[in-house]
Amino acid sequence: MTTKEIFEILEEELYLTVRDFEIEEDWIFWKDAFGTEIEIDKYSTAINNQGVFAWWQSNEVGHELIRIKINRDIIINWRPPINTMGQPSSGGHLQFFENFLVTQYVDKHGQRLFVFNINTLKAEEIITKGFTKKVKLNGNELFIKDSFENEFIKVSIYPDRLEREEIDEAYMNSRNIKFD
């Protein structure tokens, strides 16, 4: 799906709640009732193969929001646990695997990674030892490389659970898994 198509979907949604917003090539932004600027970056959107759509709304005072449009009538609002000490976050990277939304963002604690199940409305944080992470979603397997600790983790995503497994670089090479 192109950025233009994604922003057309968001434009339809915003017309229902926000009257004065601007759309640029890579951004949508507006001010809320308190004058706080809110923006959506084209890289902070995701859609799954059933048409469920998600976007990260960054807020200049650190009140971030992930919105998930399940269908024409239902939108889920999820405030990820975030502590930016009143500052905006770096925005979130979103990616779907079926009914699981994987989100990665930075706050004062470092890079954080959550898997949000849109069926059960439960989020689970994937915690590693280091400050930064690289992630790769390959089917139902989420691979994580902790950059400072050189730790590798594989999280298998199943409809009813997540399974975490410590792996090594040799395993990654044998599966030809590369981080972008």
Protein backbone atom coordinates (compact mmCIF):
# COMPACT_ATOMS: atom_id res chain seq x y z
CA MET A 1 0.00 0.00 0.00
CA THR A 2 1.40 3.39 -0.94
CA THR A 3 1.76 6.35 1.40
CA LYS A 4 -0.91 8.16 -0.61
CA GLU A 5 -3.39 5.27 -0.07
CA ILE A 6 -2.55 5.09 3.64
CA PHE A 7 -3.03 8.83 4.05
CA GLU A 8 -6.35 8.69 2.16
CA ILE A 9 -7.63 6.19 4.73
CA LEU A 10 -6.38 8.41 7.56
CA GLU A 11 -7.89 11.49 5.94
CA GLU A 12 -11.34 9.85 5.92
CA GLU A 13 -10.93 8.94 9.59
CA LEU A 14 -9.67 12.37 10.64
CA TYR A 15 -12.57 14.17 8.95
CA LEU A 16 -14.83 12.55 11.55
CA THR A 17 -12.91 13.95 14.53
CA VAL A 18 -10.53 16.71 13.42
CA ARG A 19 -11.60 19.61 11.24
CA ASP A 20 -8.33 21.43 10.67
CA PHE A 21 -5.43 19.19 9.66
CA GLU A 22 -2.73 19.34 7.02
CA ILE A 23 -1.41 16.56 4.84
CA GLU A 24 2.04 16.68 3.34
CA GLU A 25 3.86 13.97 1.43
CA ASP A 26 5.24 12.22 4.54
CA TRP A 27 3.21 13.74 7.41
CA ILE A 28 -0.25 14.54 8.65
CA PHE A 29 -0.45 17.07 11.47
CA TRP A 30 -2.96 19.13 13.44
CA LYS A 31 -3.43 20.79 16.81
CA ASP A 32 -5.73 19.38 19.47
CA ALA A 33 -8.18 21.45 21.54
CA PHE A 34 -5.34 22.47 23.90
CA GLY A 35 -3.08 23.67 21.05
CA THR A 36 -0.73 20.69 21.22
CA GLU A 37 0.61 19.56 17.86
CA ILE A 38 -0.09 15.97 16.86
CA GLU A 39 1.45 14.26 13.87
CA ILE A 40 1.42 10.99 11.97
CA ASP A 41 4.52 9.97 10.04
CA LYS A 42 4.14 7.71 7.02
CA TYR A 43 6.65 5.28 8.57
CA SER A 44 4.46 4.95 11.67
CA THR A 45 1.58 3.16 9.94
CA ALA A 46 0.81 -0.50 9.26
CA ILE A 47 -1.92 -2.63 7.70
CA ASN A 48 -2.48 -6.38 7.94
CA ASN A 49 -3.85 -8.76 5.29
CA GLN A 50 -7.41 -8.47 6.72
CA GLY A 51 -7.47 -4.69 6.27
CA VAL A 52 -6.89 -3.83 9.93
CA PHE A 53 -5.02 -0.54 9.95
CA ALA A 54 -2.84 1.04 12.68
CA TRP A 55 -1.09 4.36 13.10
CA TRP A 56 1.05 6.06 15.73
CA GLN A 57 0.01 9.57 16.74
CA SER A 58 3.00 11.49 18.09
CA ASN A 59 2.24 14.32 20.46
CA GLU A 60 4.66 17.15 21.23
CA VAL A 61 4.15 16.73 25.00
CA GLY A 62 4.72 12.98 25.06
CA HIS A 63 1.10 11.73 25.13
CA GLU A 64 1.55 9.13 22.40
CA LEU A 65 -1.34 7.08 21.03
CA ILE A 66 -1.61 4.05 18.79
CA ARG A 67 -4.94 3.82 16.99
CA ILE A 68 -6.05 0.54 15.42
CA LYS A 69 -8.97 0.60 13.01
CA ILE A 70 -10.51 -2.87 13.19
CA ASN A 71 -13.36 -2.15 10.77
CA ARG A 72 -15.54 0.71 9.60
CA ASP A 73 -17.11 1.17 13.05
CA ILE A 74 -14.43 0.11 15.55
CA ILE A 75 -11.19 1.88 16.47
CA ILE A 76 -9.03 0.78 19.39
CA ASN A 77 -6.95 3.43 21.17
CA TRP A 78 -3.86 2.08 22.93
CA ARG A 79 -1.53 4.28 24.94
CA PRO A 80 1.75 2.39 25.03
CA PRO A 81 3.62 2.66 28.33
CA ILE A 82 6.01 5.44 27.55
CA ASN A 83 8.09 7.81 29.63
CA THR A 84 9.63 10.69 27.74
CA MET A 85 9.46 13.11 30.68
CA GLY A 86 6.97 15.35 28.88
CA GLN A 87 8.83 15.33 25.56
CA PRO A 88 7.70 13.74 22.29
CA SER A 89 8.97 10.25 21.57
CA SER A 90 10.83 9.38 18.42
CA GLY A 91 7.58 7.95 17.06
CA GLY A 92 6.88 4.30 16.72
CA HIS A 93 7.63 1.68 14.14
CA LEU A 94 4.57 -0.53 13.56
CA GLN A 95 4.35 -3.87 11.79
CA PHE A 96 1.61 -6.51 11.68
CA PHE A 97 1.74 -10.27 11.80
CA GLU A 98 -1.85 -11.42 11.35
CA ASN A 99 -3.68 -10.06 14.44
CA PHE A 100 -0.53 -9.05 16.30
CA LEU A 101 0.83 -5.52 16.09
CA VAL A 102 4.55 -5.25 16.78
CA THR A 103 5.63 -1.78 17.89
CA GLN A 104 9.06 -0.42 18.67
CA TYR A 105 9.78 3.03 20.07
CA VAL A 106 12.28 4.96 22.16
CA ASP A 107 11.69 6.51 25.56
CA LYS A 108 14.01 7.44 28.43
CA HIS A 109 14.56 3.73 29.18
CA GLY A 110 15.84 2.97 25.66
CA GLN A 111 14.23 1.16 22.79
CA ARG A 112 11.09 -0.68 23.83
CA LEU A 113 9.37 -3.45 21.95
CA PHE A 114 5.78 -4.61 22.43
CA VAL A 115 3.58 -7.20 20.79
CA PHE A 116 -0.09 -6.18 20.97
CA ASN A 117 -2.78 -8.82 20.32
CA ILE A 118 -5.75 -7.05 18.72
CA ASN A 119 -8.07 -9.98 19.52
CA THR A 120 -7.40 -10.10 23.27
CA LEU A 121 -6.31 -6.44 23.63
CA LYS A 122 -3.24 -7.55 25.57
CA ALA A 123 0.26 -6.16 25.10
CA GLU A 124 3.44 -7.94 26.07
CA GLU A 125 6.81 -6.22 26.30
CA ILE A 126 9.85 -8.06 24.98
CA ILE A 127 12.63 -7.08 27.39
CA THR A 128 16.32 -7.36 26.61
CA LYS A 129 19.40 -6.30 28.56
CA GLY A 130 20.68 -3.58 26.27
CA PHE A 131 19.52 -0.10 25.30
CA THR A 132 19.01 -0.55 21.54
CA LYS A 133 17.47 -3.34 19.49
CA LYS A 134 17.23 -4.35 15.87
CA VAL A 135 14.14 -6.34 14.90
CA LYS A 136 13.13 -8.49 11.97
CA LEU A 137 9.67 -10.03 11.56
CA ASN A 138 9.81 -13.19 9.47
CA GLY A 139 6.37 -14.84 9.31
CA ASN A 140 5.37 -15.66 12.87
CA GLU A 141 8.94 -15.30 14.15
CA LEU A 142 10.21 -12.04 15.57
CA PHE A 143 14.01 -11.88 15.69
CA ILE A 144 15.67 -9.37 17.99
CA LYS A 145 19.31 -8.40 18.19
CA ASP A 146 20.32 -6.47 21.25
CA SER A 147 22.98 -4.22 19.75
CA PHE A 148 25.18 -3.67 22.82
CA GLU A 149 24.93 -7.08 24.45
CA ASN A 150 25.15 -8.99 21.14
CA GLU A 151 22.20 -11.02 22.41
CA PHE A 152 19.82 -12.71 19.95
CA ILE A 153 16.24 -13.61 20.78
CA LYS A 154 13.57 -15.35 18.74
CA VAL A 155 9.94 -14.77 19.71
CA SER A 156 7.49 -17.16 18.07
CA ILE A 157 4.02 -15.64 17.78
CA TYR A 158 1.11 -18.06 18.17
CA PRO A 159 -2.62 -17.22 18.35
CA ASP A 160 -2.73 -17.78 22.12
CA ARG A 161 0.82 -17.07 23.28
CA LEU A 162 4.34 -15.82 22.62
CA GLU A 163 7.34 -18.12 23.06
CA ARG A 164 10.73 -16.58 23.72
CA GLU A 165 13.97 -18.39 22.94
CA GLU A 166 17.61 -17.31 23.29
CA ILE A 167 19.51 -18.02 20.08
CA ASP A 168 22.99 -17.27 18.80
CA GLU A 169 24.55 -15.73 15.71
CA ALA A 170 25.22 -19.17 14.20
CA TYR A 171 21.47 -19.90 14.30
CA MET A 172 20.77 -16.56 12.61
CA ASN A 173 23.32 -17.34 9.89
CA SER A 174 21.98 -20.87 9.37
CA ARG A 175 18.50 -19.39 8.76
CA ASN A 176 19.96 -16.56 6.66
CA ILE A 177 18.21 -13.93 8.82
CA LYS A 178 19.64 -10.47 8.22
CA PHE A 179 18.63 -7.23 9.92
CA ASP A 180 17.85 -4.37 7.56
